[in-house]
């Protein structure tokens, strides 16, 4: 399948998202095209060590030095301590403002490496090399970087756009089924908030592997359009991308980071948001059933038994999006911001997400 390209058109920092097979071998050429400095630091998920020799070779063939720092996979790596260790690594290797950080991995590594790039020398260039479906369609695009605190997810961070994103679809073959399904949660989200035809296509279950590059590019184009409208989430357009995330982040926190994958928590949050949409925002109950059926068809959870209600409520109260702000659906493909959800409705949702659909 030919290379897919999506432009992220921003006033000061536009870039291209490329989707296709074999793109890791093109990293050196990309660095040269961007006139990057003589050093490149790769921050990589340790589980991706087999990909590193070819990536190093591509970078070194472009005439650049390559330094590699591996980090453990999972949310446990998104900490200030891990960020500090990586910042020291960049300093020890003598990276300058002309040099580049590369993020090889899923959303955790992208968020962490992007935050490190934003912080080092008050900001150096970085390139996203997402290797999970979730990162390819969502977290690698838009420049949101950050780490977690014990009090909540992504409470420390910065907006720092990448210079480029290279989504090599060959890396998806390394993913276990659970990780691939978690990525489909974000794909389903795009259909629910902006593309009813996409949602219809996904209702029956996972698409064929051959369709993934075009599907990833379609989601990337939706996110690129929304980010271009509202780069720093100061308006309302970008907030729509948080459908399912307000409660999803709280569930992820209350369950304990690492218990649920991010996409799994978002799936639980989307089911809850669909029910709330029917109760408060005139969404057809039949659409709620379609949402639940689509999540199940992709092997995604719709509940998490044994959730501690107090922990979920505490996490909701700390959520940077604000506990009173929810993204709800008025129809499949049309999302809106709703403020002022009554506490009794939130209590209803907490009961809902603790039991099966």
Protein backbone atom coordinates (compact mmCIF):
# COMPACT_ATOMS: atom_id res chain seq x y z
CA UNK A 1 0.00 0.00 0.00
CA UNK A 2 1.38 3.46 -0.84
CA UNK A 3 2.64 5.79 1.84
CA UNK A 4 -0.09 7.82 3.54
CA UNK A 5 0.68 11.43 4.49
CA UNK A 6 -1.32 13.78 6.70
CA UNK A 7 -0.42 17.42 7.27
CA UNK A 8 -0.82 18.99 10.71
CA UNK A 9 -1.12 22.66 9.67
CA UNK A 10 -0.15 24.87 12.60
CA UNK A 11 0.78 28.54 12.49
CA UNK A 12 4.32 28.16 13.78
CA UNK A 13 5.09 24.45 13.76
CA UNK A 14 3.41 22.51 10.95
CA UNK A 15 4.57 18.96 10.32
CA UNK A 16 3.75 15.80 8.42
CA UNK A 17 2.50 12.48 9.77
CA UNK A 18 3.66 9.65 7.52
CA UNK A 19 2.01 6.23 7.73
CA UNK A 20 3.33 3.15 5.97
CA UNK A 21 5.62 0.15 5.99
CA UNK A 22 9.39 0.47 6.45
CA UNK A 23 9.49 4.04 7.74
CA UNK A 24 11.99 3.32 10.53
CA UNK A 25 14.59 2.82 7.81
CA UNK A 26 13.85 6.37 6.62
CA UNK A 27 14.63 8.11 9.91
CA UNK A 28 18.11 9.20 8.84
CA UNK A 29 16.77 10.71 5.62
CA UNK A 30 14.08 12.52 7.61
CA UNK A 31 16.67 14.01 9.95
CA UNK A 32 18.64 15.25 6.96
CA UNK A 33 15.55 16.70 5.30
CA UNK A 34 14.80 18.59 8.51
CA UNK A 35 18.44 19.86 8.70
CA UNK A 36 18.76 18.33 12.15
CA UNK A 37 21.93 18.68 14.18
CA UNK A 38 24.75 16.14 14.42
CA UNK A 39 23.38 14.17 17.38
CA UNK A 40 20.19 12.15 17.84
CA UNK A 41 19.01 10.61 21.10
CA UNK A 42 16.53 7.74 20.86
CA UNK A 43 14.31 7.18 23.89
CA UNK A 44 12.91 3.69 23.36
CA UNK A 45 10.61 1.22 25.06
CA UNK A 46 12.97 -1.51 26.27
CA UNK A 47 10.71 -4.15 24.72
CA UNK A 48 11.59 -2.76 21.27
CA UNK A 49 15.31 -3.53 21.51
CA UNK A 50 15.20 -5.70 18.33
CA UNK A 51 14.26 -2.60 16.31
CA UNK A 52 17.20 -0.55 17.54
CA UNK A 53 20.07 -1.81 15.34
CA UNK A 54 18.29 -0.87 12.12
CA UNK A 55 17.21 2.48 13.56
CA UNK A 56 20.77 3.22 14.72
CA UNK A 57 22.11 2.28 11.29
CA UNK A 58 19.67 4.64 9.55
CA UNK A 59 20.68 7.52 11.82
CA UNK A 60 24.42 6.86 11.55
CA UNK A 61 24.23 6.48 7.76
CA UNK A 62 22.97 10.07 7.71
CA UNK A 63 26.26 11.13 9.33
CA UNK A 64 24.88 11.64 12.83
CA UNK A 65 25.82 10.23 16.20
CA UNK A 66 23.13 8.07 17.76
CA UNK A 67 22.61 7.63 21.50
CA UNK A 68 19.98 5.25 22.87
CA UNK A 69 18.23 5.25 26.24
CA UNK A 70 15.81 2.42 27.02
CA UNK A 71 12.93 2.79 29.46
CA UNK A 72 10.54 0.15 30.80
CA UNK A 73 7.17 0.04 29.07
CA UNK A 74 3.98 0.99 30.88
CA UNK A 75 2.61 3.94 32.81
CA UNK A 76 5.14 3.36 35.57
CA UNK A 77 7.75 5.07 33.38
CA UNK A 78 5.82 8.33 33.11
CA UNK A 79 7.34 9.88 36.21
CA UNK A 80 9.37 12.93 37.11
CA UNK A 81 12.18 10.63 38.28
CA UNK A 82 12.36 8.92 34.89
CA UNK A 83 12.22 12.29 33.11
CA UNK A 84 15.07 13.57 35.30
CA UNK A 85 17.20 10.53 34.47
CA UNK A 86 16.63 11.08 30.74
CA UNK A 87 17.43 14.78 31.00
CA UNK A 88 20.74 13.87 32.64
CA UNK A 89 21.35 11.38 29.83
CA UNK A 90 20.92 14.11 27.19
CA UNK A 91 23.23 16.43 29.09
CA UNK A 92 25.89 13.74 29.49
CA UNK A 93 25.80 13.08 25.74
CA UNK A 94 26.20 16.79 25.05
CA UNK A 95 23.05 17.36 23.01
CA UNK A 96 22.60 20.94 21.88
CA UNK A 97 19.52 22.88 20.80
CA UNK A 98 20.25 21.85 17.20
CA UNK A 99 19.94 18.15 18.02
CA UNK A 100 16.96 15.83 18.08
CA UNK A 101 15.17 13.46 20.45
CA UNK A 102 13.34 10.50 18.91
CA UNK A 103 10.53 8.67 20.71
CA UNK A 104 10.30 4.97 19.79
CA UNK A 105 7.35 3.26 21.43
CA UNK A 106 3.74 3.71 22.39
CA UNK A 107 1.94 6.58 24.05
CA UNK A 108 3.91 6.34 27.30
CA UNK A 109 7.27 6.74 25.57
CA UNK A 110 5.90 9.48 23.30
CA UNK A 111 4.51 11.48 26.21
CA UNK A 112 7.69 11.01 28.24
CA UNK A 113 10.20 11.69 25.46
CA UNK A 114 8.21 14.68 24.21
CA UNK A 115 8.18 16.13 27.71
CA UNK A 116 11.93 15.57 28.06
CA UNK A 117 12.47 17.30 24.69
CA UNK A 118 10.25 20.20 25.78
CA UNK A 119 12.21 20.60 29.02
CA UNK A 120 15.83 20.07 27.91
CA UNK A 121 17.52 23.42 27.14
CA UNK A 122 14.00 24.91 27.23
CA UNK A 123 13.04 22.91 24.18
CA UNK A 124 14.76 20.78 21.53
CA UNK A 125 13.30 19.15 18.44
CA UNK A 126 11.74 15.72 18.63
CA UNK A 127 10.33 13.16 16.21
CA UNK A 128 7.64 10.64 17.06
CA UNK A 129 8.16 7.02 16.03
CA UNK A 130 4.94 5.47 17.34
CA UNK A 131 4.81 1.67 17.45
CA UNK A 132 1.31 1.08 18.82
CA UNK A 133 -2.03 1.69 17.16
CA UNK A 134 -3.13 4.01 19.96
CA UNK A 135 -0.03 6.17 19.59
CA UNK A 136 -0.28 6.25 15.79
CA UNK A 137 -3.86 7.48 15.70
CA UNK A 138 -3.84 9.72 18.75
CA UNK A 139 -1.08 10.45 21.26
CA UNK A 140 1.76 11.04 18.76
CA UNK A 141 -0.17 13.87 17.10
CA UNK A 142 -0.87 17.25 18.66
CA UNK A 143 2.11 17.98 20.87
CA UNK A 144 0.65 17.04 24.26
CA UNK A 145 3.53 15.74 26.36
CA UNK A 146 3.73 14.94 30.03
CA UNK A 147 4.21 12.64 33.00
CA UNK A 148 1.98 11.43 35.79
CA UNK A 149 1.87 12.25 39.48
CA UNK A 150 0.50 9.92 42.17
CA UNK A 151 -2.45 12.32 42.30
CA UNK A 152 -3.39 11.91 38.65
CA UNK A 153 -2.50 11.28 35.02
CA UNK A 154 -0.60 13.86 32.92
CA UNK A 155 -0.70 16.53 35.63
CA UNK A 156 2.79 17.73 34.63
CA UNK A 157 3.48 18.47 30.99
CA UNK A 158 3.89 20.88 28.12
CA UNK A 159 2.62 21.50 24.61
CA UNK A 160 5.59 20.72 22.37
CA UNK A 161 4.89 19.75 18.78
CA UNK A 162 7.09 17.15 17.06
CA UNK A 163 8.98 18.00 13.89
CA UNK A 164 7.58 14.88 12.23
CA UNK A 165 5.75 11.64 13.00
CA UNK A 166 6.72 8.40 11.24
CA UNK A 167 4.22 5.62 11.89
CA UNK A 168 5.82 2.41 10.62
CA UNK A 169 2.94 -0.04 10.37
CA UNK A 170 5.34 -3.00 10.37
CA UNK A 171 5.77 -2.42 14.11
CA UNK A 172 2.09 -3.20 14.72
CA UNK A 173 2.90 -6.86 14.05
CA UNK A 174 4.84 -6.93 17.31
CA UNK A 175 1.77 -5.99 19.36
CA UNK A 176 -0.12 -8.55 21.44
CA UNK A 177 -3.88 -8.68 20.69
CA UNK A 178 -4.73 -6.80 23.89
CA UNK A 179 -2.55 -3.81 22.89
CA UNK A 180 -4.02 -3.75 19.39
CA UNK A 181 -7.55 -3.80 20.80
CA UNK A 182 -6.70 -0.96 23.18
CA UNK A 183 -5.63 1.13 20.20
CA UNK A 184 -8.94 0.44 18.48
CA UNK A 185 -10.66 2.23 21.37
CA UNK A 186 -9.24 5.53 20.12
CA UNK A 187 -10.18 4.66 16.52
CA UNK A 188 -13.76 4.02 17.65
CA UNK A 189 -13.65 7.35 19.49
CA UNK A 190 -12.92 9.22 16.26
CA UNK A 191 -15.90 7.59 14.62
CA UNK A 192 -18.16 8.51 17.53
CA UNK A 193 -17.16 12.17 17.70
CA UNK A 194 -16.57 13.05 14.05
CA UNK A 195 -17.03 10.28 11.47
CA UNK A 196 -20.22 8.18 11.55
CA UNK A 197 -19.16 6.28 8.42
CA UNK A 198 -15.97 5.23 10.19
CA UNK A 199 -17.98 4.04 13.20
CA UNK A 200 -20.28 2.03 10.94
CA UNK A 201 -17.24 0.38 9.40
CA UNK A 202 -15.92 -0.58 12.84
CA UNK A 203 -19.14 -1.92 14.37
CA UNK A 204 -18.55 -5.46 13.16
CA UNK A 205 -15.09 -5.80 14.68
CA UNK A 206 -11.41 -5.34 13.81
CA UNK A 207 -10.59 -4.40 10.21
CA UNK A 208 -8.26 -6.48 8.01
CA UNK A 209 -4.56 -5.77 8.52
CA UNK A 210 -4.28 -4.39 4.98
CA UNK A 211 -6.79 -1.66 5.85
CA UNK A 212 -4.87 -0.35 8.86
CA UNK A 213 -2.63 2.25 7.14
CA UNK A 214 -5.60 4.01 5.52
CA UNK A 215 -7.57 3.76 8.78
CA UNK A 216 -4.68 5.25 10.77
CA UNK A 217 -4.33 8.09 8.27
CA UNK A 218 -8.08 8.76 8.44
CA UNK A 219 -7.95 9.12 12.23
CA UNK A 220 -4.76 11.20 12.02
CA UNK A 221 -6.49 13.57 9.60
CA UNK A 222 -9.39 14.07 12.01
CA UNK A 223 -7.04 14.82 14.87
CA UNK A 224 -4.88 17.10 12.70
CA UNK A 225 -7.94 19.14 11.74
CA UNK A 226 -9.05 19.50 15.35
CA UNK A 227 -5.54 20.35 16.60
CA UNK A 228 -5.19 23.00 13.89
CA UNK A 229 -8.37 24.63 15.17
CA UNK A 230 -7.33 24.57 18.82
CA UNK A 231 -3.64 23.76 19.28
CA UNK A 232 -3.44 24.36 23.03
CA UNK A 233 -6.98 23.38 24.00
CA UNK A 234 -7.89 26.95 24.88
CA UNK A 235 -11.17 26.75 22.99
CA UNK A 236 -13.67 23.95 22.64
CA UNK A 237 -12.63 22.07 19.48
CA UNK A 238 -9.77 20.05 20.98
CA UNK A 239 -11.73 19.23 24.10
CA UNK A 240 -13.96 17.01 21.95
CA UNK A 241 -11.03 14.59 21.66
CA UNK A 242 -11.54 13.84 25.34
CA UNK A 243 -14.71 11.83 24.73
CA UNK A 244 -14.55 8.93 27.17
CA UNK A 245 -11.43 10.29 28.84
CA UNK A 246 -12.88 12.20 31.80
CA UNK A 247 -14.18 9.08 33.50
CA UNK A 248 -11.68 6.86 31.70
CA UNK A 249 -8.69 8.60 33.28
CA UNK A 250 -10.36 8.40 36.71
CA UNK A 251 -11.03 4.67 36.30
CA UNK A 252 -7.45 4.11 35.15
CA UNK A 253 -6.16 5.96 38.22
CA UNK A 254 -8.50 4.23 40.68
CA UNK A 255 -7.74 0.76 39.30
CA UNK A 256 -4.01 1.45 39.70
CA UNK A 257 -1.80 2.40 36.76
CA UNK A 258 -0.92 -0.70 34.78
CA UNK A 259 -4.06 -2.64 35.71
CA UNK A 260 -5.94 -1.32 32.68
CA UNK A 261 -4.36 -0.21 29.44
CA UNK A 262 -5.19 3.38 28.55
CA UNK A 263 -7.41 2.34 25.66
CA UNK A 264 -9.28 -0.11 27.89
CA UNK A 265 -10.01 2.64 30.42
CA UNK A 266 -11.16 4.93 27.59
CA UNK A 267 -13.50 2.19 26.36
CA UNK A 268 -15.09 2.01 29.80
CA UNK A 269 -15.33 5.81 29.82
CA UNK A 270 -16.94 5.87 26.36
CA UNK A 271 -19.62 3.42 27.41
CA UNK A 272 -20.38 5.60 30.43
CA UNK A 273 -20.39 8.78 28.33
CA UNK A 274 -22.79 7.17 25.85
CA UNK A 275 -25.20 6.30 28.66
CA UNK A 276 -24.90 9.82 30.07
CA UNK A 277 -25.53 11.20 26.58
CA UNK A 278 -28.83 9.29 26.44
CA UNK A 279 -29.85 10.45 29.92
CA UNK A 280 -28.86 14.11 29.53
CA UNK A 281 -28.29 14.90 25.86
CA UNK A 282 -31.02 13.16 23.83
CA UNK A 283 -28.82 10.47 22.32
CA UNK A 284 -30.99 7.68 20.93
CA UNK A 285 -30.80 4.68 23.32
CA UNK A 286 -30.30 2.51 20.24
CA UNK A 287 -27.03 4.35 19.65
CA UNK A 288 -25.92 3.46 23.18
CA UNK A 289 -26.47 -0.20 22.38
CA UNK A 290 -24.42 0.25 19.19
CA UNK A 291 -21.54 1.75 21.17
CA UNK A 292 -21.57 -1.14 23.62
CA UNK A 293 -21.74 -3.69 20.80
CA UNK A 294 -18.83 -2.07 18.96
CA UNK A 295 -16.63 -2.09 22.06
CA UNK A 296 -17.40 -5.77 22.67
CA UNK A 297 -16.76 -6.62 19.00
CA UNK A 298 -13.21 -5.31 19.43
CA UNK A 299 -12.62 -7.19 22.66
CA UNK A 300 -12.67 -4.04 24.78
CA UNK A 301 -13.92 -3.92 28.37
CA UNK A 302 -17.10 -2.03 29.22
CA UNK A 303 -16.70 -2.23 33.00
CA UNK A 304 -14.17 -2.90 35.75
CA UNK A 305 -15.48 -4.83 38.72
CA UNK A 306 -14.55 -3.78 42.22
CA UNK A 307 -13.77 -0.13 41.51
CA UNK A 308 -13.36 1.97 44.63
CA UNK A 309 -15.96 4.74 44.23
CA UNK A 310 -14.11 7.14 46.51
CA UNK A 311 -10.91 6.76 44.50
CA UNK A 312 -12.76 7.36 41.24
CA UNK A 313 -14.46 10.47 42.63
CA UNK A 314 -11.16 11.77 43.99
CA UNK A 315 -9.52 11.27 40.60
CA UNK A 316 -12.43 13.01 38.86
CA UNK A 317 -12.02 15.97 41.18
CA UNK A 318 -8.35 16.29 40.24
CA UNK A 319 -8.78 15.73 36.50
CA UNK A 320 -7.22 18.65 34.63
CA UNK A 321 -10.24 18.68 32.31
CA UNK A 322 -12.53 19.46 35.25
CA UNK A 323 -15.01 17.06 36.76
CA UNK A 324 -17.95 19.20 35.64
CA UNK A 325 -16.97 19.17 31.94
CA UNK A 326 -18.03 16.15 29.93
CA UNK A 327 -18.01 15.36 26.22
CA UNK A 328 -21.35 13.88 25.23
CA UNK A 329 -22.94 12.72 22.00
CA UNK A 330 -26.13 14.12 20.48
CA UNK A 331 -25.76 11.56 17.67
CA UNK A 332 -23.15 9.16 16.35
CA UNK A 333 -20.52 11.43 14.79
CA UNK A 334 -21.57 14.56 16.66
CA UNK A 335 -20.06 15.46 20.04
CA UNK A 336 -20.55 18.50 22.27
CA UNK A 337 -19.27 19.85 25.57
CA UNK A 338 -21.66 19.70 28.51
CA UNK A 339 -20.98 21.43 31.80
CA UNK A 340 -22.64 20.86 35.13
CA UNK A 341 -23.34 17.11 35.27
CA UNK A 342 -25.30 16.52 38.51
CA UNK A 343 -23.69 14.40 41.20
CA UNK A 344 -26.52 11.87 41.03
CA UNK A 345 -25.69 11.23 37.38
CA UNK A 346 -22.03 10.69 38.23
CA UNK A 347 -23.10 8.28 40.99
CA UNK A 348 -25.18 6.41 38.42
CA UNK A 349 -22.17 6.14 36.12
CA UNK A 350 -19.96 4.77 38.91
CA UNK A 351 -22.45 1.97 39.44
CA UNK A 352 -22.67 1.41 35.68
CA UNK A 353 -18.93 1.01 35.11
CA UNK A 354 -18.67 -1.57 37.87
CA UNK A 355 -20.98 -4.04 36.14
CA UNK A 356 -21.06 -5.66 32.68
CA UNK A 357 -22.97 -4.17 29.76
